[in-house]
Amino acid sequence: VTALDVASKTLATDDSYQRILVVGAYGMTRYVNWKDKKTCTL
């Protein structure tokens, strides 16, 4: 949502930008301890 805000304002204020890709990506299971109930369940 923060990136969406930044990208939206960039398009609105700078006419050298016409198309912007905004991606949210998450690979958090690489950082999960699978014996930690607080994190591996979520």
PDB file of all heavy atoms in Angstrom:
ATOM      1  N   VAL A   1       0.841  -1.199   0.000  1.00  0.00           N
ATOM      2  CA  VAL A   1       0.000   0.000   0.000  1.00  0.00           C
ATOM      3  C   VAL A   1       0.879   1.253   0.000  1.00  0.00           C
ATOM      4  O   VAL A   1       0.565   2.248  -0.653  1.00  0.00           O
ATOM      5  CB  VAL A   1      -0.968  -0.001   1.197  1.00  0.00           C
ATOM      6  CG1 VAL A   1      -1.831   1.257   1.197  1.00  0.00           C
ATOM      7  CG2 VAL A   1      -1.863  -1.234   1.164  1.00  0.00           C
ATOM      8  N   THR A   2       2.005   1.196   0.708  1.00  0.00           N
ATOM      9  CA  THR A   2       2.955   2.302   0.687  1.00  0.00           C
ATOM     10  C   THR A   2       3.511   2.507  -0.712  1.00  0.00           C
ATOM     11  O   THR A   2       3.604   3.643  -1.208  1.00  0.00           O
ATOM     12  CB  THR A   2       4.102   2.029   1.677  1.00  0.00           C
ATOM     13  OG1 THR A   2       3.562   1.817   2.988  1.00  0.00           O
ATOM     14  CG2 THR A   2       5.080   3.181   1.720  1.00  0.00           C
ATOM     15  N   ALA A   3       3.882   1.418  -1.383  1.00  0.00           N
ATOM     16  CA  ALA A   3       4.400   1.506  -2.752  1.00  0.00           C
ATOM     17  C   ALA A   3       3.333   2.016  -3.715  1.00  0.00           C
ATOM     18  O   ALA A   3       3.633   2.773  -4.652  1.00  0.00           O
ATOM     19  CB  ALA A   3       4.902   0.135  -3.202  1.00  0.00           C
ATOM     20  N   LEU A   4       2.084   1.620  -3.489  1.00  0.00           N
ATOM     21  CA  LEU A   4       0.980   2.106  -4.318  1.00  0.00           C
ATOM     22  C   LEU A   4       0.844   3.614  -4.189  1.00  0.00           C
ATOM     23  O   LEU A   4       0.611   4.325  -5.186  1.00  0.00           O
ATOM     24  CB  LEU A   4      -0.313   1.413  -3.895  1.00  0.00           C
ATOM     25  CG  LEU A   4      -1.563   1.722  -4.721  1.00  0.00           C
ATOM     26  CD1 LEU A   4      -1.456   1.107  -6.110  1.00  0.00           C
ATOM     27  CD2 LEU A   4      -2.820   1.206  -4.019  1.00  0.00           C
ATOM     28  N   ASP A   5       0.986   4.118  -2.981  1.00  0.00           N
ATOM     29  CA  ASP A   5       0.937   5.562  -2.737  1.00  0.00           C
ATOM     30  C   ASP A   5       2.051   6.274  -3.500  1.00  0.00           C
ATOM     31  O   ASP A   5       1.816   7.258  -4.220  1.00  0.00           O
ATOM     32  CB  ASP A   5       1.060   5.812  -1.235  1.00  0.00           C
ATOM     33  CG  ASP A   5       1.109   7.287  -0.866  1.00  0.00           C
ATOM     34  OD1 ASP A   5       0.507   8.106  -1.582  1.00  0.00           O
ATOM     35  OD2 ASP A   5       1.747   7.621   0.144  1.00  0.00           O
ATOM     36  N   VAL A   6       3.276   5.782  -3.359  1.00  0.00           N
ATOM     37  CA  VAL A   6       4.428   6.406  -4.013  1.00  0.00           C
ATOM     38  C   VAL A   6       4.277   6.381  -5.535  1.00  0.00           C
ATOM     39  O   VAL A   6       4.491   7.393  -6.219  1.00  0.00           O
ATOM     40  CB  VAL A   6       5.726   5.702  -3.588  1.00  0.00           C
ATOM     41  CG1 VAL A   6       6.916   6.235  -4.383  1.00  0.00           C
ATOM     42  CG2 VAL A   6       5.974   5.860  -2.095  1.00  0.00           C
ATOM     43  N   ALA A   7       3.902   5.235  -6.081  1.00  0.00           N
ATOM     44  CA  ALA A   7       3.758   5.098  -7.531  1.00  0.00           C
ATOM     45  C   ALA A   7       2.636   5.982  -8.063  1.00  0.00           C
ATOM     46  O   ALA A   7       2.767   6.592  -9.136  1.00  0.00           O
ATOM     47  CB  ALA A   7       3.495   3.639  -7.888  1.00  0.00           C
ATOM     48  N   SER A   8       1.542   6.052  -7.329  1.00  0.00           N
ATOM     49  CA  SER A   8       0.394   6.860  -7.759  1.00  0.00           C
ATOM     50  C   SER A   8       0.756   8.340  -7.817  1.00  0.00           C
ATOM     51  O   SER A   8       0.380   9.051  -8.766  1.00  0.00           O
ATOM     52  CB  SER A   8      -0.794   6.636  -6.820  1.00  0.00           C
ATOM     53  OG  SER A   8      -1.186   5.284  -6.807  1.00  0.00           O
ATOM     54  N   LYS A   9       1.496   8.801  -6.831  1.00  0.00           N
ATOM     55  CA  LYS A   9       1.901  10.203  -6.799  1.00  0.00           C
ATOM     56  C   LYS A   9       2.960  10.503  -7.859  1.00  0.00           C
ATOM     57  O   LYS A   9       3.015  11.619  -8.402  1.00  0.00           O
ATOM     58  CB  LYS A   9       2.384  10.567  -5.402  1.00  0.00           C
ATOM     59  CG  LYS A   9       1.236  10.630  -4.393  1.00  0.00           C
ATOM     60  CD  LYS A   9       1.711  10.781  -2.964  1.00  0.00           C
ATOM     61  CE  LYS A   9       0.512  10.856  -2.015  1.00  0.00           C
ATOM     62  NZ  LYS A   9       0.897  10.808  -0.590  1.00  0.00           N
ATOM     63  N   THR A  10       3.780   9.516  -8.169  1.00  0.00           N
ATOM     64  CA  THR A  10       4.760   9.690  -9.236  1.00  0.00           C
ATOM     65  C   THR A  10       4.063   9.903 -10.569  1.00  0.00           C
ATOM     66  O   THR A  10       4.418  10.809 -11.341  1.00  0.00           O
ATOM     67  CB  THR A  10       5.692   8.464  -9.306  1.00  0.00           C
ATOM     68  OG1 THR A  10       6.394   8.321  -8.063  1.00  0.00           O
ATOM     69  CG2 THR A  10       6.697   8.599 -10.441  1.00  0.00           C
ATOM     70  N   LEU A  11       3.069   9.065 -10.846  1.00  0.00           N
ATOM     71  CA  LEU A  11       2.319   9.211 -12.100  1.00  0.00           C
ATOM     72  C   LEU A  11       1.589  10.550 -12.168  1.00  0.00           C
ATOM     73  O   LEU A  11       1.502  11.168 -13.236  1.00  0.00           O
ATOM     74  CB  LEU A  11       1.309   8.071 -12.244  1.00  0.00           C
ATOM     75  CG  LEU A  11       1.823   6.752 -12.797  1.00  0.00           C
ATOM     76  CD1 LEU A  11       0.746   5.679 -12.691  1.00  0.00           C
ATOM     77  CD2 LEU A  11       2.253   6.892 -14.252  1.00  0.00           C
ATOM     78  N   ALA A  12       1.062  10.982 -11.048  1.00  0.00           N
ATOM     79  CA  ALA A  12       0.266  12.207 -11.033  1.00  0.00           C
ATOM     80  C   ALA A  12       1.107  13.460 -11.229  1.00  0.00           C
ATOM     81  O   ALA A  12       0.613  14.469 -11.738  1.00  0.00           O
ATOM     82  CB  ALA A  12      -0.508  12.305  -9.723  1.00  0.00           C
ATOM     83  N   THR A  13       2.373  13.403 -10.849  1.00  0.00           N
ATOM     84  CA  THR A  13       3.186  14.624 -10.827  1.00  0.00           C
ATOM     85  C   THR A  13       4.294  14.680 -11.868  1.00  0.00           C
ATOM     86  O   THR A  13       4.911  15.726 -12.034  1.00  0.00           O
ATOM     87  CB  THR A  13       3.832  14.803  -9.435  1.00  0.00           C
ATOM     88  OG1 THR A  13       4.627  13.646  -9.127  1.00  0.00           O
ATOM     89  CG2 THR A  13       2.758  14.978  -8.369  1.00  0.00           C
ATOM     90  N   ASP A  14       4.555  13.570 -12.555  1.00  0.00           N
ATOM     91  CA  ASP A  14       5.670  13.539 -13.510  1.00  0.00           C
ATOM     92  C   ASP A  14       5.212  12.884 -14.804  1.00  0.00           C
ATOM     93  O   ASP A  14       4.989  11.676 -14.862  1.00  0.00           O
ATOM     94  CB  ASP A  14       6.836  12.754 -12.899  1.00  0.00           C
ATOM     95  CG  ASP A  14       8.115  12.860 -13.720  1.00  0.00           C
ATOM     96  OD1 ASP A  14       8.027  13.133 -14.933  1.00  0.00           O
ATOM     97  OD2 ASP A  14       9.199  12.652 -13.146  1.00  0.00           O
ATOM     98  N   ASP A  15       5.074  13.686 -15.861  1.00  0.00           N
ATOM     99  CA  ASP A  15       4.513  13.161 -17.104  1.00  0.00           C
ATOM    100  C   ASP A  15       5.505  12.320 -17.913  1.00  0.00           C
ATOM    101  O   ASP A  15       5.174  11.841 -18.993  1.00  0.00           O
ATOM    102  CB  ASP A  15       3.945  14.283 -17.977  1.00  0.00           C
ATOM    103  CG  ASP A  15       4.997  15.298 -18.417  1.00  0.00           C
ATOM    104  OD1 ASP A  15       6.200  15.060 -18.190  1.00  0.00           O
ATOM    105  OD2 ASP A  15       4.602  16.344 -18.984  1.00  0.00           O
ATOM    106  N   SER A  16       6.708  12.119 -17.390  1.00  0.00           N
ATOM    107  CA  SER A  16       7.630  11.187 -18.050  1.00  0.00           C
ATOM    108  C   SER A  16       7.312   9.738 -17.688  1.00  0.00           C
ATOM    109  O   SER A  16       7.881   8.816 -18.270  1.00  0.00           O
ATOM    110  CB  SER A  16       9.081  11.513 -17.682  1.00  0.00           C
ATOM    111  OG  SER A  16       9.337  11.259 -16.311  1.00  0.00           O
ATOM    112  N   TYR A  17       6.409   9.546 -16.721  1.00  0.00           N
ATOM    113  CA  TYR A  17       5.966   8.202 -16.333  1.00  0.00           C
ATOM    114  C   TYR A  17       4.560   7.958 -16.864  1.00  0.00           C
ATOM    115  O   TYR A  17       3.664   8.779 -16.657  1.00  0.00           O
ATOM    116  CB  TYR A  17       5.961   8.045 -14.812  1.00  0.00           C
ATOM    117  CG  TYR A  17       7.329   8.065 -14.180  1.00  0.00           C
ATOM    118  CD1 TYR A  17       7.906   9.263 -13.769  1.00  0.00           C
ATOM    119  CD2 TYR A  17       8.037   6.888 -14.001  1.00  0.00           C
ATOM    120  CE1 TYR A  17       9.168   9.284 -13.190  1.00  0.00           C
ATOM    121  CE2 TYR A  17       9.306   6.900 -13.418  1.00  0.00           C
ATOM    122  CZ  TYR A  17       9.856   8.101 -13.022  1.00  0.00           C
ATOM    123  OH  TYR A  17      11.104   8.108 -12.456  1.00  0.00           O
ATOM    124  N   GLN A  18       4.366   6.817 -17.532  1.00  0.00           N
ATOM    125  CA  GLN A  18       3.060   6.441 -18.076  1.00  0.00           C
ATOM    126  C   GLN A  18       2.553   5.108 -17.538  1.00  0.00           C
ATOM    127  O   GLN A  18       1.359   4.924 -17.366  1.00  0.00           O
ATOM    128  CB  GLN A  18       3.132   6.375 -19.613  1.00  0.00           C
ATOM    129  CG  GLN A  18       3.452   7.695 -20.281  1.00  0.00           C
ATOM    130  CD  GLN A  18       2.376   8.745 -20.060  1.00  0.00           C
ATOM    131  OE1 GLN A  18       1.188   8.438 -19.994  1.00  0.00           O
ATOM    132  NE2 GLN A  18       2.791  10.011 -19.942  1.00  0.00           N
ATOM    133  N   ARG A  19       3.474   4.179 -17.292  1.00  0.00           N
ATOM    134  CA  ARG A  19       3.102   2.843 -16.820  1.00  0.00           C
ATOM    135  C   ARG A  19       4.046   2.428 -15.691  1.00  0.00           C
ATOM    136  O   ARG A  19       5.259   2.444 -15.855  1.00  0.00           O
ATOM    137  CB  ARG A  19       3.193   1.810 -17.952  1.00  0.00           C
ATOM    138  CG  ARG A  19       2.259   2.071 -19.138  1.00  0.00           C
ATOM    139  CD  ARG A  19       0.814   1.722 -18.777  1.00  0.00           C
ATOM    140  NE  ARG A  19      -0.075   1.834 -19.922  1.00  0.00           N
ATOM    141  CZ  ARG A  19      -0.701   2.945 -20.286  1.00  0.00           C
ATOM    142  NH1 ARG A  19      -0.529   4.057 -19.577  1.00  0.00           N
ATOM    143  NH2 ARG A  19      -1.506   2.964 -21.332  1.00  0.00           N
ATOM    144  N   ILE A  20       3.469   2.040 -14.565  1.00  0.00           N
ATOM    145  CA  ILE A  20       4.262   1.600 -13.417  1.00  0.00           C
ATOM    146  C   ILE A  20       3.726   0.268 -12.909  1.00  0.00           C
ATOM    147  O   ILE A  20       2.512   0.092 -12.754  1.00  0.00           O
ATOM    148  CB  ILE A  20       4.237   2.633 -12.276  1.00  0.00           C
ATOM    149  CG1 ILE A  20       4.850   3.963 -12.741  1.00  0.00           C
ATOM    150  CG2 ILE A  20       4.996   2.111 -11.053  1.00  0.00           C
ATOM    151  CD1 ILE A  20       4.847   5.051 -11.669  1.00  0.00           C
ATOM    152  N   LEU A  21       4.634  -0.655 -12.665  1.00  0.00           N
ATOM    153  CA  LEU A  21       4.296  -1.953 -12.079  1.00  0.00           C
ATOM    154  C   LEU A  21       4.566  -1.902 -10.576  1.00  0.00           C
ATOM    155  O   LEU A  21       5.666  -1.532 -10.152  1.00  0.00           O
ATOM    156  CB  LEU A  21       5.140  -3.051 -12.713  1.00  0.00           C
ATOM    157  CG  LEU A  21       5.000  -4.463 -12.139  1.00  0.00           C
ATOM    158  CD1 LEU A  21       3.631  -5.048 -12.457  1.00  0.00           C
ATOM    159  CD2 LEU A  21       6.111  -5.379 -12.675  1.00  0.00           C
ATOM    160  N   VAL A  22       3.542  -2.256  -9.776  1.00  0.00           N
ATOM    161  CA  VAL A  22       3.686  -2.288  -8.317  1.00  0.00           C
ATOM    162  C   VAL A  22       3.384  -3.703  -7.838  1.00  0.00           C
ATOM    163  O   VAL A  22       2.261  -4.188  -7.972  1.00  0.00           O
ATOM    164  CB  VAL A  22       2.739  -1.284  -7.633  1.00  0.00           C
ATOM    165  CG1 VAL A  22       3.017  -1.246  -6.127  1.00  0.00           C
ATOM    166  CG2 VAL A  22       2.894   0.111  -8.232  1.00  0.00           C
ATOM    167  N   VAL A  23       4.407  -4.352  -7.281  1.00  0.00           N
ATOM    168  CA  VAL A  23       4.288  -5.751  -6.868  1.00  0.00           C
ATOM    169  C   VAL A  23       4.513  -5.875  -5.366  1.00  0.00           C
ATOM    170  O   VAL A  23       5.420  -5.250  -4.805  1.00  0.00           O
ATOM    171  CB  VAL A  23       5.327  -6.638  -7.592  1.00  0.00           C
ATOM    172  CG1 VAL A  23       5.075  -8.117  -7.274  1.00  0.00           C
ATOM    173  CG2 VAL A  23       5.311  -6.410  -9.088  1.00  0.00           C
ATOM    174  N   GLY A  24       3.698  -6.684  -4.738  1.00  0.00           N
ATOM    175  CA  GLY A  24       3.942  -7.106  -3.357  1.00  0.00           C
ATOM    176  C   GLY A  24       4.307  -8.576  -3.392  1.00  0.00           C
ATOM    177  O   GLY A  24       3.562  -9.381  -3.960  1.00  0.00           O
ATOM    178  N   ALA A  25       5.459  -8.940  -2.842  1.00  0.00           N
ATOM    179  CA  ALA A  25       5.918 -10.335  -2.907  1.00  0.00           C
ATOM    180  C   ALA A  25       6.409 -10.782  -1.538  1.00  0.00           C
ATOM    181  O   ALA A  25       7.049 -10.006  -0.816  1.00  0.00           O
ATOM    182  CB  ALA A  25       7.027 -10.479  -3.944  1.00  0.00           C
ATOM    183  N   TYR A  26       6.146 -12.033  -1.216  1.00  0.00           N
ATOM    184  CA  TYR A  26       6.392 -12.519   0.143  1.00  0.00           C
ATOM    185  C   TYR A  26       6.860 -13.961   0.105  1.00  0.00           C
ATOM    186  O   TYR A  26       6.148 -14.842  -0.389  1.00  0.00           O
ATOM    187  CB  TYR A  26       5.087 -12.431   0.927  1.00  0.00           C
ATOM    188  CG  TYR A  26       5.219 -12.249   2.421  1.00  0.00           C
ATOM    189  CD1 TYR A  26       5.875 -11.160   2.961  1.00  0.00           C
ATOM    190  CD2 TYR A  26       4.628 -13.156   3.298  1.00  0.00           C
ATOM    191  CE1 TYR A  26       5.942 -10.960   4.335  1.00  0.00           C
ATOM    192  CE2 TYR A  26       4.683 -12.972   4.672  1.00  0.00           C
ATOM    193  CZ  TYR A  26       5.338 -11.873   5.189  1.00  0.00           C
ATOM    194  OH  TYR A  26       5.398 -11.673   6.556  1.00  0.00           O
ATOM    195  N   GLY A  27       8.060 -14.184   0.641  1.00  0.00           N
ATOM    196  CA  GLY A  27       8.594 -15.533   0.762  1.00  0.00           C
ATOM    197  C   GLY A  27       8.965 -15.840   2.199  1.00  0.00           C
ATOM    198  O   GLY A  27      10.053 -16.358   2.475  1.00  0.00           O
ATOM    199  N   MET A  28       8.078 -15.523   3.120  1.00  0.00           N
ATOM    200  CA  MET A  28       8.393 -15.588   4.542  1.00  0.00           C
ATOM    201  C   MET A  28       8.597 -17.011   5.064  1.00  0.00           C
ATOM    202  O   MET A  28       9.241 -17.198   6.114  1.00  0.00           O
ATOM    203  CB  MET A  28       7.306 -14.887   5.360  1.00  0.00           C
ATOM    204  CG  MET A  28       7.653 -14.684   6.838  1.00  0.00           C
ATOM    205  SD  MET A  28       9.191 -13.762   7.115  1.00  0.00           S
ATOM    206  CE  MET A  28       8.601 -12.063   6.953  1.00  0.00           C
ATOM    207  N   THR A  29       8.111 -18.024   4.357  1.00  0.00           N
ATOM    208  CA  THR A  29       8.325 -19.379   4.886  1.00  0.00           C
ATOM    209  C   THR A  29       9.801 -19.750   4.893  1.00  0.00           C
ATOM    210  O   THR A  29      10.202 -20.668   5.605  1.00  0.00           O
ATOM    211  CB  THR A  29       7.535 -20.440   4.093  1.00  0.00           C
ATOM    212  OG1 THR A  29       8.006 -20.493   2.741  1.00  0.00           O
ATOM    213  CG2 THR A  29       6.038 -20.146   4.114  1.00  0.00           C
ATOM    214  N   ARG A  30      10.625 -19.039   4.125  1.00  0.00           N
ATOM    215  CA  ARG A  30      12.077 -19.260   4.178  1.00  0.00           C
ATOM    216  C   ARG A  30      12.658 -18.860   5.530  1.00  0.00           C
ATOM    217  O   ARG A  30      13.773 -19.243   5.869  1.00  0.00           O
ATOM    218  CB  ARG A  30      12.767 -18.476   3.061  1.00  0.00           C
ATOM    219  CG  ARG A  30      12.531 -19.048   1.665  1.00  0.00           C
ATOM    220  CD  ARG A  30      13.298 -20.357   1.475  1.00  0.00           C
ATOM    221  NE  ARG A  30      12.821 -21.071   0.304  1.00  0.00           N
ATOM    222  CZ  ARG A  30      13.223 -20.816  -0.949  1.00  0.00           C
ATOM    223  NH1 ARG A  30      14.078 -19.850  -1.173  1.00  0.00           N
ATOM    224  NH2 ARG A  30      12.747 -21.535  -1.945  1.00  0.00           N
ATOM    225  N   TYR A  31      11.914 -18.051   6.267  1.00  0.00           N
ATOM    226  CA  TYR A  31      12.394 -17.544   7.550  1.00  0.00           C
ATOM    227  C   TYR A  31      11.602 -18.109   8.733  1.00  0.00           C
ATOM    228  O   TYR A  31      11.712 -17.606   9.851  1.00  0.00           O
ATOM    229  CB  TYR A  31      12.315 -16.013   7.568  1.00  0.00           C
ATOM    230  CG  TYR A  31      13.167 -15.375   6.508  1.00  0.00           C
ATOM    231  CD1 TYR A  31      12.616 -15.011   5.281  1.00  0.00           C
ATOM    232  CD2 TYR A  31      14.524 -15.153   6.718  1.00  0.00           C
ATOM    233  CE1 TYR A  31      13.400 -14.443   4.288  1.00  0.00           C
ATOM    234  CE2 TYR A  31      15.317 -14.576   5.728  1.00  0.00           C
ATOM    235  CZ  TYR A  31      14.744 -14.218   4.522  1.00  0.00           C
ATOM    236  OH  TYR A  31      15.518 -13.659   3.541  1.00  0.00           O
ATOM    237  N   VAL A  32      10.818 -19.129   8.469  1.00  0.00           N
ATOM    238  CA  VAL A  32       9.977 -19.723   9.516  1.00  0.00           C
ATOM    239  C   VAL A  32      10.704 -20.882  10.180  1.00  0.00           C
ATOM    240  O   VAL A  32      11.316 -21.722   9.514  1.00  0.00           O
ATOM    241  CB  VAL A  32       8.635 -20.204   8.913  1.00  0.00           C
ATOM    242  CG1 VAL A  32       7.934 -21.181   9.852  1.00  0.00           C
ATOM    243  CG2 VAL A  32       7.729 -19.014   8.633  1.00  0.00           C
ATOM    244  N   ASN A  33      10.636 -20.904  11.486  1.00  0.00           N
ATOM    245  CA  ASN A  33      11.049 -22.065  12.259  1.00  0.00           C
ATOM    246  C   ASN A  33       9.826 -22.966  12.367  1.00  0.00           C
ATOM    247  O   ASN A  33       8.840 -22.609  13.030  1.00  0.00           O
ATOM    248  CB  ASN A  33      11.546 -21.638  13.647  1.00  0.00           C
ATOM    249  CG  ASN A  33      11.871 -22.813  14.549  1.00  0.00           C
ATOM    250  OD1 ASN A  33      11.648 -23.980  14.203  1.00  0.00           O
ATOM    251  ND2 ASN A  33      12.411 -22.525  15.723  1.00  0.00           N
ATOM    252  N   TRP A  34       9.858 -24.119  11.726  1.00  0.00           N
ATOM    253  CA  TRP A  34       8.676 -24.976  11.641  1.00  0.00           C
ATOM    254  C   TRP A  34       8.348 -25.699  12.938  1.00  0.00           C
ATOM    255  O   TRP A  34       7.402 -26.480  12.996  1.00  0.00           O
ATOM    256  CB  TRP A  34       8.832 -25.970  10.492  1.00  0.00           C
ATOM    257  CG  TRP A  34       8.733 -25.269   9.166  1.00  0.00           C
ATOM    258  CD1 TRP A  34       9.760 -24.844   8.378  1.00  0.00           C
ATOM    259  CD2 TRP A  34       7.528 -24.847   8.516  1.00  0.00           C
ATOM    260  NE1 TRP A  34       9.269 -24.187   7.267  1.00  0.00           N
ATOM    261  CE2 TRP A  34       7.913 -24.182   7.323  1.00  0.00           C
ATOM    262  CE3 TRP A  34       6.167 -24.971   8.814  1.00  0.00           C
ATOM    263  CZ2 TRP A  34       6.976 -23.650   6.445  1.00  0.00           C
ATOM    264  CZ3 TRP A  34       5.243 -24.438   7.936  1.00  0.00           C
ATOM    265  CH2 TRP A  34       5.645 -23.785   6.771  1.00  0.00           C
ATOM    266  N   LYS A  35       9.101 -25.400  13.977  1.00  0.00           N
ATOM    267  CA  LYS A  35       8.753 -25.892  15.309  1.00  0.00           C
ATOM    268  C   LYS A  35       8.224 -24.763  16.202  1.00  0.00           C
ATOM    269  O   LYS A  35       7.907 -24.989  17.364  1.00  0.00           O
ATOM    270  CB  LYS A  35       9.973 -26.545  15.979  1.00  0.00           C
ATOM    271  CG  LYS A  35      10.441 -27.807  15.267  1.00  0.00           C
ATOM    272  CD  LYS A  35       9.361 -28.883  15.235  1.00  0.00           C
ATOM    273  CE  LYS A  35       9.848 -30.157  14.567  1.00  0.00           C
ATOM    274  NZ  LYS A  35       8.767 -31.204  14.499  1.00  0.00           N
ATOM    275  N   ASP A  36       8.117 -23.565  15.630  1.00  0.00           N
ATOM    276  CA  ASP A  36       7.606 -22.411  16.363  1.00  0.00           C
ATOM    277  C   ASP A  36       6.135 -22.215  16.017  1.00  0.00           C
ATOM    278  O   ASP A  36       5.798 -21.718  14.951  1.00  0.00           O
ATOM    279  CB  ASP A  36       8.415 -21.167  16.005  1.00  0.00           C
ATOM    280  CG  ASP A  36       7.887 -19.897  16.686  1.00  0.00           C
ATOM    281  OD1 ASP A  36       7.043 -20.012  17.593  1.00  0.00           O
ATOM    282  OD2 ASP A  36       8.314 -18.797  16.285  1.00  0.00           O
ATOM    283  N   LYS A  37       5.275 -22.596  16.937  1.00  0.00           N
ATOM    284  CA  LYS A  37       3.827 -22.557  16.688  1.00  0.00           C
ATOM    285  C   LYS A  37       3.326 -21.152  16.384  1.00  0.00           C
ATOM    286  O   LYS A  37       2.350 -20.974  15.647  1.00  0.00           O
ATOM    287  CB  LYS A  37       3.097 -23.145  17.899  1.00  0.00           C
ATOM    288  CG  LYS A  37       1.589 -23.227  17.736  1.00  0.00           C
ATOM    289  CD  LYS A  37       0.961 -24.049  18.838  1.00  0.00           C
ATOM    290  CE  LYS A  37       1.171 -23.436  20.206  1.00  0.00           C
ATOM    291  NZ  LYS A  37       0.429 -24.177  21.271  1.00  0.00           N
ATOM    292  N   LYS A  38       3.980 -20.142  16.934  1.00  0.00           N
ATOM    293  CA  LYS A  38       3.518 -18.771  16.744  1.00  0.00           C
ATOM    294  C   LYS A  38       3.677 -18.291  15.299  1.00  0.00           C
ATOM    295  O   LYS A  38       2.951 -17.392  14.862  1.00  0.00           O
ATOM    296  CB  LYS A  38       4.276 -17.825  17.671  1.00  0.00           C
ATOM    297  CG  LYS A  38       3.979 -18.016  19.144  1.00  0.00           C
ATOM    298  CD  LYS A  38       4.779 -17.027  19.973  1.00  0.00           C
ATOM    299  CE  LYS A  38       4.515 -17.197  21.456  1.00  0.00           C
ATOM    300  NZ  LYS A  38       5.339 -16.248  22.261  1.00  0.00           N
ATOM    301  N   THR A  39       4.648 -18.850  14.575  1.00  0.00           N
ATOM    302  CA  THR A  39       4.923 -18.352  13.225  1.00  0.00           C
ATOM    303  C   THR A  39       4.561 -19.340  12.119  1.00  0.00           C
ATOM    304  O   THR A  39       3.994 -18.952  11.097  1.00  0.00           O
ATOM    305  CB  THR A  39       6.403 -17.963  13.085  1.00  0.00           C
ATOM    306  OG1 THR A  39       7.228 -19.100  13.393  1.00  0.00           O
ATOM    307  CG2 THR A  39       6.756 -16.824  14.015  1.00  0.00           C
ATOM    308  N   CYS A  40       4.864 -20.626  12.308  1.00  0.00           N
ATOM    309  CA  CYS A  40       4.657 -21.573  11.210  1.00  0.00           C
ATOM    310  C   CYS A  40       3.183 -21.804  10.902  1.00  0.00           C
ATOM    311  O   CYS A  40       2.825 -22.276   9.823  1.00  0.00           O
ATOM    312  CB  CYS A  40       5.365 -22.891  11.487  1.00  0.00           C
ATOM    313  SG  CYS A  40       4.568 -23.944  12.713  1.00  0.00           S
ATOM    314  N   THR A  41       2.310 -21.462  11.829  1.00  0.00           N
ATOM    315  CA  THR A  41       0.871 -21.615  11.602  1.00  0.00           C
ATOM    316  C   THR A  41       0.292 -20.478  10.766  1.00  0.00           C
ATOM    317  O   THR A  41      -0.796 -20.609  10.205  1.00  0.00           O
ATOM    318  CB  THR A  41       0.134 -21.654  12.948  1.00  0.00           C
ATOM    319  OG1 THR A  41       0.511 -20.501  13.720  1.00  0.00           O
ATOM    320  CG2 THR A  41       0.467 -22.911  13.726  1.00  0.00           C
ATOM    321  N   LEU A  42       1.003 -19.358  10.691  1.00  0.00           N
ATOM    322  CA  LEU A  42       0.462 -18.153  10.057  1.00  0.00           C
ATOM    323  C   LEU A  42       1.033 -17.880   8.675  1.00  0.00           C
ATOM    324  O   LEU A  42       0.300 -17.669   7.713  1.00  0.00           O
ATOM    325  CB  LEU A  42       0.733 -16.926  10.942  1.00  0.00           C
ATOM    326  CG  LEU A  42       0.146 -16.925  12.345  1.00  0.00           C
ATOM    327  CD1 LEU A  42       0.607 -15.681  13.090  1.00  0.00           C
ATOM    328  CD2 LEU A  42      -1.374 -16.981  12.291  1.00  0.00           C
TER     329      LEU A  42
END
